[in-house]
Amino acid sequence: MLLHFECMKTLYLQNHELTLRFDSSLSGVRSDEVLLKVQLAGICGTDLALLNGYANFNGVLGHECVAEVIETGAGVNGGLIGRRVVAEINQWCGVCDQCAREHYNHCLNRRVIGIRDHQGCFAEQIVVKANTLHIIPDSIDDRQAVFIEPLAAAFRIIEQLQLHDYRDVMLIGAGRLGQLIARVMVLQKKPLTVVVRHAQQRELLQDLPLNCIDESAVEAKIVDVTIDATGQQSGLELALHALRPQGICVMKSSYSSPVTVDLTRLVIDEVELFGSRCGPFSTAIKALEDGLIETESLIDATFKIDDYQAAFALAHQKGSMKVLIKPC
């Protein structure tokens, strides 16, 4: 099939440098794929880490977006054309051991949009597998829909904790992802404390039923569950410091450099430490549709793709929240 462009704008990452390119490298839509016109995309903390060398990715950056289906492969229902969608960032193979167990986010051959072996969504168009799409209800606008991927990641914590008996939670870090985690955790109606570093973070949380504190106020062994959303050694250390014996520490971060952990302390206190990555898109969509999660206050600004340098300069500022890019 022919694609709907001759040369499209993309934000291309190579050797830690991001540039605006006019690219025509998409070769066609395969039988199980669709072509999307990207309506809006969000800059994530992972994108900033990729700029600093995380995962050694070279290619079109970006993995949070809302888009419109403009072409379908021969094996895909043509009724998708014109629908607003979001795509799972993990493009799974469907044949490996993990896919057979329906653990698609851990596909052994997965390509990850804008992160590993797959072009990203900071582009006018992107090709993805049709079976990774989720249709967006009309009640959710584009500025909400662009949050679905990180919001799903926040809901993954709930999936992982559902079999555990815990009384209270402390979230370390109230940045872009931390703000969404806080909004998800208050839905569990258990005491939540959030460790904040900037006045803006505290202000964005002021209407939620939770307690904000500074790092200096964190005491030892005071909560059953801690969540590190800082991506830093100091954040993980603080999360473990606050954890009661037999507690759970959730690592909700992409750490840009290796971290060290006192394993003896984990053994003695019988602490459970686990990673948390991508989550359920359908749950995130339903939460937005039901009005359970507010996201508009988390948007700092929207830039055209041509103004990407200003967009990333703002995203790099301490305390900044979600910066959006409009490719088309």
Foldseek 3Di string as FASTA:
>chain_A
DDDPDDWWWFFWDDPLDTDIDTDDPDDDAAQQKFKWFWFKFWDDPVQVLVSVPPLVDTAGAGQQTKTATCGHHNNDPPVSHGFIKHFAQWQADCPDPCNVVVVRVVHVPTAGARRGPADHDRMRMGMGGPVRIDTADPLADRLLRSCLWLLQLLCQVCVVCVVPDWAEEEEEDQAASNVSNLLVVVVVVHAYEYADDDPVSCVSCVVGPYHYDHLVPQAAAATQEYEQAPLDQVSQVSRNRNHHQQHEYEYEYNRSDDHDDDVVVCVVSVYHYDYTYTGDSVVSSVCVSVVSDDCPSQEDEEEESVPVVVQVVQVPDPRHGMYMYGDD
